Protein backbone atom coordinates (compact mmCIF):
# COMPACT_ATOMS: atom_id res chain seq x y z
CA UNK A 1 120.10 -102.04 14.16
CA UNK A 2 117.26 -103.60 12.55
CA UNK A 3 116.44 -102.65 8.82
CA UNK A 4 114.44 -104.41 5.82
CA UNK A 5 116.42 -106.01 3.14
CA UNK A 6 115.65 -106.96 -0.84
CA UNK A 7 118.25 -109.47 -1.19
CA UNK A 8 116.96 -110.25 -4.62
CA UNK A 9 114.38 -108.93 -6.84
CA UNK A 10 110.60 -110.39 -6.66
CA UNK A 11 107.32 -109.54 -3.91
CA UNK A 12 107.33 -108.51 -0.78
CA UNK A 13 107.87 -111.82 0.53
CA UNK A 14 111.46 -111.35 -0.75
CA UNK A 15 112.00 -108.76 1.90
CA UNK A 16 114.00 -109.49 5.37
CA UNK A 17 114.09 -107.69 8.74
CA UNK A 18 117.52 -108.22 9.60
CA UNK A 19 120.35 -106.98 12.20
CA UNK A 20 122.76 -104.75 10.07
CA UNK A 21 125.36 -102.57 11.45
CA UNK A 22 124.52 -99.20 11.76
CA UNK A 23 125.47 -96.68 8.94
CA UNK A 24 128.70 -94.13 9.40
CA UNK A 25 127.74 -90.64 7.61
CA UNK A 26 130.31 -89.88 5.35
CA UNK A 27 130.25 -86.20 3.93
CA UNK A 28 127.60 -84.22 3.32
CA UNK A 29 125.44 -87.12 4.88
CA UNK A 30 123.83 -86.85 8.53
CA UNK A 31 122.60 -90.07 10.27
CA UNK A 32 119.21 -90.26 10.80
CA UNK A 33 117.09 -92.00 13.70
CA UNK A 34 114.29 -92.99 11.69
CA UNK A 35 110.92 -92.62 13.40
CA UNK A 36 108.44 -93.10 10.40
CA UNK A 37 108.81 -94.19 6.47
CA UNK A 38 106.42 -93.90 3.80
CA UNK A 39 105.89 -96.40 0.82
CA UNK A 40 105.11 -95.71 -2.57
CA UNK A 41 104.69 -97.39 -5.95
CA UNK A 42 108.49 -96.56 -6.70
CA UNK A 43 108.77 -99.31 -4.06
CA UNK A 44 107.48 -102.25 -5.52
CA UNK A 45 108.68 -101.20 -8.82
CA UNK A 46 111.88 -100.98 -7.63
CA UNK A 47 111.65 -104.80 -5.59
CA UNK A 48 109.95 -106.47 -8.65
CA UNK A 49 112.09 -104.45 -11.47
CA UNK A 50 109.06 -103.47 -13.14
CA UNK A 51 109.49 -102.09 -15.91
CA UNK A 52 112.91 -104.32 -16.29
CA UNK A 53 114.71 -101.07 -17.28
CA UNK A 54 114.90 -100.78 -13.43
CA UNK A 55 118.36 -103.00 -13.48
CA UNK A 56 119.80 -101.01 -15.99
CA UNK A 57 120.23 -98.43 -12.46
CA UNK A 58 119.46 -100.80 -9.36
CA UNK A 59 121.29 -103.80 -10.65
CA UNK A 60 121.43 -106.25 -13.32
CA UNK A 61 121.11 -110.03 -10.85
CA UNK A 62 120.27 -108.38 -7.56
CA UNK A 63 118.93 -104.82 -6.27
CA UNK A 64 121.87 -102.49 -5.45
CA UNK A 65 119.98 -100.71 -2.57
CA UNK A 66 119.99 -100.12 0.73
CA UNK A 67 116.55 -101.59 1.49
CA UNK A 68 112.89 -100.90 1.28
CA UNK A 69 111.30 -97.11 1.77
CA UNK A 70 112.31 -93.62 0.08
CA UNK A 71 110.11 -91.28 2.36
CA UNK A 72 111.66 -90.84 5.52
CA UNK A 73 111.21 -88.51 8.72
CA UNK A 74 113.26 -88.72 11.73
CA UNK A 75 116.05 -87.33 14.13
CA UNK A 76 119.60 -86.31 13.25
CA UNK A 77 121.47 -88.70 15.23
CA UNK A 78 124.98 -87.52 14.15
CA UNK A 79 126.60 -85.19 11.34
CA UNK A 80 129.34 -86.25 8.75
CA UNK A 81 131.84 -84.13 7.22
CA UNK A 82 131.30 -80.78 5.99
CA UNK A 83 127.79 -80.95 7.13
CA UNK A 84 126.90 -77.16 8.80
CA UNK A 85 123.00 -76.87 8.07
CA UNK A 86 121.83 -79.81 10.19
CA UNK A 87 122.64 -80.34 13.84
CA UNK A 88 122.13 -83.55 16.27
CA UNK A 89 118.87 -83.29 17.79
CA UNK A 90 117.08 -81.52 14.66
CA UNK A 91 113.92 -83.28 13.08
CA UNK A 92 114.01 -83.47 9.23
CA UNK A 93 112.24 -85.50 6.51
CA UNK A 94 113.37 -86.56 2.90
CA UNK A 95 113.31 -88.59 0.13
CA UNK A 96 116.50 -91.33 -0.43
CA UNK A 97 115.23 -93.04 -3.91
CA UNK A 98 118.18 -91.17 -5.53
CA UNK A 99 120.67 -92.29 -2.85
CA UNK A 100 119.92 -96.30 -2.31
CA UNK A 101 116.50 -95.86 -0.41
CA UNK A 102 116.42 -97.70 3.08
CA UNK A 103 114.21 -95.49 5.24
CA UNK A 104 112.49 -98.87 6.88
CA UNK A 105 115.34 -99.29 9.06
CA UNK A 106 116.43 -97.66 12.90
CA UNK A 107 118.71 -95.62 11.71
CA UNK A 108 119.53 -94.93 7.75
CA UNK A 109 122.51 -92.15 6.31
CA UNK A 110 121.29 -89.63 4.10
CA UNK A 111 122.47 -86.56 1.88
CA UNK A 112 121.52 -83.52 3.12
CA UNK A 113 120.74 -82.20 -0.37
CA UNK A 114 117.78 -84.74 0.01
CA UNK A 115 116.66 -82.92 3.39
CA UNK A 116 114.59 -80.71 5.05
CA UNK A 117 113.49 -79.75 8.43
CA UNK A 118 110.31 -81.52 9.37
CA UNK A 119 107.72 -78.59 10.83
CA UNK A 120 107.00 -79.06 14.42
CA UNK A 121 103.37 -78.91 13.62
CA UNK A 122 103.02 -82.16 11.89
CA UNK A 123 104.36 -85.77 13.48
CA UNK A 124 106.74 -88.10 11.93
CA UNK A 125 104.08 -89.80 10.76
CA UNK A 126 102.34 -87.25 8.64
CA UNK A 127 106.41 -85.54 7.40
CA UNK A 128 106.72 -89.28 6.47
CA UNK A 129 103.99 -89.12 3.58
CA UNK A 130 105.05 -86.02 2.60
CA UNK A 131 108.27 -86.13 0.06
CA UNK A 132 107.94 -88.50 -3.12
CA UNK A 133 103.76 -88.06 -3.31
CA UNK A 134 104.20 -84.46 -2.31
CA UNK A 135 106.78 -83.47 -4.55
CA UNK A 136 105.51 -85.64 -6.96
CA UNK A 137 102.35 -83.17 -7.12
CA UNK A 138 104.24 -80.51 -6.60
CA UNK A 139 106.07 -80.33 -9.83
CA UNK A 140 103.51 -81.74 -11.77
CA UNK A 141 101.02 -78.65 -10.86
CA UNK A 142 103.60 -75.91 -9.98
CA UNK A 143 106.59 -76.83 -12.45
CA UNK A 144 105.09 -78.23 -15.65
CA UNK A 145 101.48 -77.56 -15.78
CA UNK A 146 101.99 -73.91 -14.24
CA UNK A 147 98.62 -73.90 -12.69
CA UNK A 148 97.46 -70.38 -12.50
CA UNK A 149 94.25 -68.87 -10.54
CA UNK A 150 91.07 -69.53 -12.41
CA UNK A 151 92.71 -72.82 -14.30
CA UNK A 152 90.53 -76.07 -14.70
CA UNK A 153 92.35 -79.12 -13.17
CA UNK A 154 91.04 -82.78 -13.59
CA UNK A 155 92.65 -84.83 -11.21
CA UNK A 156 92.24 -88.75 -12.65
CA UNK A 157 93.28 -91.06 -9.56
CA UNK A 158 92.38 -87.98 -6.66
CA UNK A 159 92.52 -90.57 -3.67
CA UNK A 160 96.17 -92.51 -3.75
CA UNK A 161 98.92 -90.51 -2.42
CA UNK A 162 99.95 -88.60 -4.63
CA UNK A 163 96.40 -87.52 -5.91
CA UNK A 164 95.21 -86.43 -2.37
CA UNK A 165 98.29 -84.36 -2.39
CA UNK A 166 97.50 -82.71 -5.80
CA UNK A 167 93.53 -81.82 -5.02
CA UNK A 168 94.97 -79.51 -2.03
CA UNK A 169 98.09 -78.08 -3.97
CA UNK A 170 95.77 -77.36 -7.09
CA UNK A 171 93.33 -75.36 -4.55
CA UNK A 172 96.31 -73.72 -3.07
CA UNK A 173 97.75 -72.39 -6.65
CA UNK A 174 93.68 -71.00 -6.96
CA UNK A 175 92.35 -73.83 -9.45
CA UNK A 176 89.02 -75.46 -9.98
CA UNK A 177 89.44 -79.00 -9.00
CA UNK A 178 87.43 -81.74 -10.22
CA UNK A 179 88.57 -85.39 -8.97
CA UNK A 180 88.10 -88.61 -9.96
CA UNK A 181 87.49 -91.49 -7.99
CA UNK A 182 85.86 -94.69 -7.11
CA UNK A 183 82.41 -94.64 -4.52
CA UNK A 184 83.70 -94.94 -1.36
CA UNK A 185 86.05 -91.80 -2.14
CA UNK A 186 83.69 -89.22 -2.79
CA UNK A 187 83.79 -87.69 0.69
CA UNK A 188 87.44 -88.24 1.42
CA UNK A 189 87.93 -85.94 -2.13
CA UNK A 190 85.39 -83.61 -1.34
CA UNK A 191 86.87 -83.16 2.53
CA UNK A 192 90.55 -82.30 0.61
CA UNK A 193 88.88 -79.46 -1.05
CA UNK A 194 87.93 -80.45 -4.28
CA UNK A 195 84.93 -78.40 -6.06
CA UNK A 196 83.64 -81.24 -7.76
CA UNK A 197 83.79 -85.15 -7.43
CA UNK A 198 83.20 -87.42 -10.44
CA UNK A 199 82.57 -91.66 -9.10
CA UNK A 200 84.10 -93.45 -12.43
CA UNK A 201 82.16 -96.61 -11.40
CA UNK A 202 79.19 -94.70 -12.17
CA UNK A 203 79.48 -91.94 -14.47
CA UNK A 204 81.53 -90.85 -17.73
CA UNK A 205 84.28 -88.77 -16.84
CA UNK A 206 84.74 -87.38 -20.03
CA UNK A 207 81.78 -85.82 -22.43
CA UNK A 208 81.39 -83.27 -25.43
CA UNK A 209 80.92 -80.70 -23.25
CA UNK A 210 83.67 -81.00 -20.55
CA UNK A 211 87.01 -79.55 -21.10
CA UNK A 212 89.45 -78.93 -18.76
CA UNK A 213 92.98 -76.28 -18.46
CA UNK A 214 95.00 -79.05 -16.66
CA UNK A 215 94.58 -82.86 -16.41
CA UNK A 216 96.56 -84.86 -13.99
CA UNK A 217 96.20 -88.42 -14.69
CA UNK A 218 97.68 -90.58 -11.96
CA UNK A 219 97.58 -93.98 -13.07
CA UNK A 220 95.50 -93.27 -16.05
CA UNK A 221 94.10 -95.76 -17.90
CA UNK A 222 92.28 -93.72 -21.04
CA UNK A 223 94.44 -93.16 -24.63
CA UNK A 224 96.17 -90.09 -24.69
CA UNK A 225 93.71 -88.99 -27.73
CA UNK A 226 90.95 -88.90 -25.07
CA UNK A 227 93.04 -87.07 -22.87
CA UNK A 228 94.00 -84.49 -25.59
CA UNK A 229 90.39 -83.94 -27.00
CA UNK A 230 89.47 -83.29 -23.60
CA UNK A 231 91.73 -79.90 -22.79
CA UNK A 232 90.92 -76.86 -23.69
CA UNK A 233 93.01 -74.82 -26.14
CA UNK A 234 96.74 -74.14 -24.52
CA UNK A 235 95.69 -77.20 -22.23
CA UNK A 236 98.39 -79.56 -20.32
CA UNK A 237 98.10 -83.61 -19.66
CA UNK A 238 100.24 -84.96 -17.10
CA UNK A 239 100.92 -88.25 -16.32
CA UNK A 240 101.89 -89.95 -13.67
CA UNK A 241 102.30 -94.00 -13.38
CA UNK A 242 100.10 -95.97 -15.20
CA UNK A 243 100.39 -99.55 -17.03
CA UNK A 244 103.36 -100.51 -19.13
CA UNK A 245 101.47 -99.36 -22.27
CA UNK A 246 100.48 -96.04 -20.81
CA UNK A 247 104.01 -94.99 -20.12
CA UNK A 248 105.25 -95.97 -23.64
CA UNK A 249 102.33 -93.74 -24.75
CA UNK A 250 103.57 -91.09 -22.61
CA UNK A 251 107.04 -91.07 -22.93
CA UNK A 252 107.26 -92.02 -27.05
CA UNK A 253 103.74 -90.69 -28.32
CA UNK A 254 103.27 -87.50 -26.22
CA UNK A 255 105.76 -85.24 -27.67
CA UNK A 256 104.55 -86.62 -30.82
CA UNK A 257 100.82 -86.09 -30.27
CA UNK A 258 101.61 -82.37 -28.70
CA UNK A 259 100.19 -79.91 -31.05
CA UNK A 260 97.23 -77.52 -31.57
CA UNK A 261 98.76 -75.54 -28.22
CA UNK A 262 97.98 -78.86 -26.51
CA UNK A 263 100.61 -80.67 -24.54
CA UNK A 264 100.94 -84.48 -23.12
CA UNK A 265 103.99 -86.24 -21.56
CA UNK A 266 105.05 -87.61 -18.47
CA UNK A 267 105.41 -86.27 -15.10
CA UNK A 268 109.49 -87.42 -14.42
CA UNK A 269 109.84 -86.40 -10.79
CA UNK A 270 113.00 -85.14 -9.05
CA UNK A 271 113.67 -84.40 -5.50
CA UNK A 272 115.52 -81.37 -3.93
CA UNK A 273 115.74 -79.69 -0.74
CA UNK A 274 113.68 -76.79 -2.33
CA UNK A 275 110.70 -79.12 -3.48
CA UNK A 276 111.04 -80.65 -0.55
CA UNK A 277 111.27 -77.22 1.80
CA UNK A 278 108.32 -76.15 -0.27
CA UNK A 279 105.57 -78.84 0.72
CA UNK A 280 107.02 -78.83 4.28
CA UNK A 281 105.96 -74.90 4.58
CA UNK A 282 102.70 -75.80 2.89
CA UNK A 283 102.07 -78.45 5.97
CA UNK A 284 103.17 -76.46 8.51
CA UNK A 285 100.92 -73.62 7.03
CA UNK A 286 97.65 -76.09 7.03
CA UNK A 287 97.30 -75.83 2.98
CA UNK A 288 98.84 -79.58 2.57
CA UNK A 289 97.39 -82.65 4.75
CA UNK A 290 98.74 -86.12 4.53
CA UNK A 291 95.63 -88.81 4.27
CA UNK A 292 97.52 -91.90 5.98
CA UNK A 293 95.49 -94.84 5.34
CA UNK A 294 97.38 -97.21 7.24
CA UNK A 295 100.32 -97.60 9.67
CA UNK A 296 102.36 -100.64 10.44
CA UNK A 297 105.18 -101.80 12.49
CA UNK A 298 108.54 -101.95 10.90
CA UNK A 299 108.47 -106.02 10.96
CA UNK A 300 105.59 -105.79 9.16
CA UNK A 301 107.02 -103.64 6.27
CA UNK A 302 106.54 -106.31 3.48
CA UNK A 303 102.53 -106.38 4.75
CA UNK A 304 102.38 -102.90 4.28
CA UNK A 305 104.25 -103.29 0.87
CA UNK A 306 101.72 -106.09 -0.14
CA UNK A 307 99.01 -103.71 0.93
CA UNK A 308 100.23 -100.66 -1.63
CA UNK A 309 100.33 -102.81 -4.34
CA UNK A 310 97.09 -104.18 -4.24
CA UNK A 311 96.27 -100.46 -5.62
CA UNK A 312 92.82 -99.73 -3.46
CA UNK A 313 94.82 -97.50 -0.62
CA UNK A 314 93.24 -94.29 0.51
CA UNK A 315 96.25 -91.97 0.97
CA UNK A 316 99.58 -93.04 2.04
CA UNK A 317 100.90 -96.51 3.74
CA UNK A 318 103.27 -95.97 6.62
CA UNK A 319 106.00 -97.29 8.37
CA UNK A 320 106.58 -96.33 12.34
CA UNK A 321 109.61 -97.42 13.41
CA UNK A 322 109.55 -95.72 16.74
CA UNK A 323 106.50 -95.59 18.22
CA UNK A 324 105.14 -91.88 19.33
CA UNK A 325 104.58 -90.80 22.78
CA UNK A 326 101.33 -91.22 23.87
């Protein structure tokens, strides 16, 4: 089979498309015939070992991962020992960050705890866009911010992978949503349900007369003090990604700055079958729609990662492994 391999740390130019042995599912795993894979910022962070601490878990000298791609959608080809919840032919989606990545391949073996069934109502490409970004947005808004009907939610960075899902999840939770993005993305954010859109290139986001119950900073670039001032009493600021300085502030300074009923901190998203099933169910009901910016072939995986790393995507970058039926 063919798979995209990362033999060393570095940029997208390090990726190689190789012929490798098809994996055999072990206990608790299934073998997936991959139809589509979704790329995320986590892919290039791991490939570049950025931040350096990535090497502590992924390998000091070279990456100990299967390959590229955490988000996967496909069909179960074989089941390993003790697997009873899935059978050959089942359509699934999953998130492989915790088991070595490797979705950019013709086949991948994955533990069932990181999978859920793909709704028949969505395509494999749409399913591959859901896992990491959808679960991250769900955990941030439902579990950590505990968004309630009537809450006001500001989403900074609302036009990328996590942001597009965050708009829709916040609306499904009953919030009034203000979405922030650049000039060319206003219609997209409004179309996803945002009650108000702000073009950060022409309009000041934070003014003395505006506060919110929840602020979700996706790659946010303002100081934590700015976000804290913009929170209402009891408000929550949640950080997803950002520069090294932003991540340091969120992890180290966030707890220190959490006072006067205002909390600030990062989102450390973890995958589970329950969270995957929740976003899949929302997609099945039409509450969650994947915004796919560009689709690439397996041989174009490095180009896909390069585009994503530039930071100007209008949604998700998808690698199509099996061409959809016409």
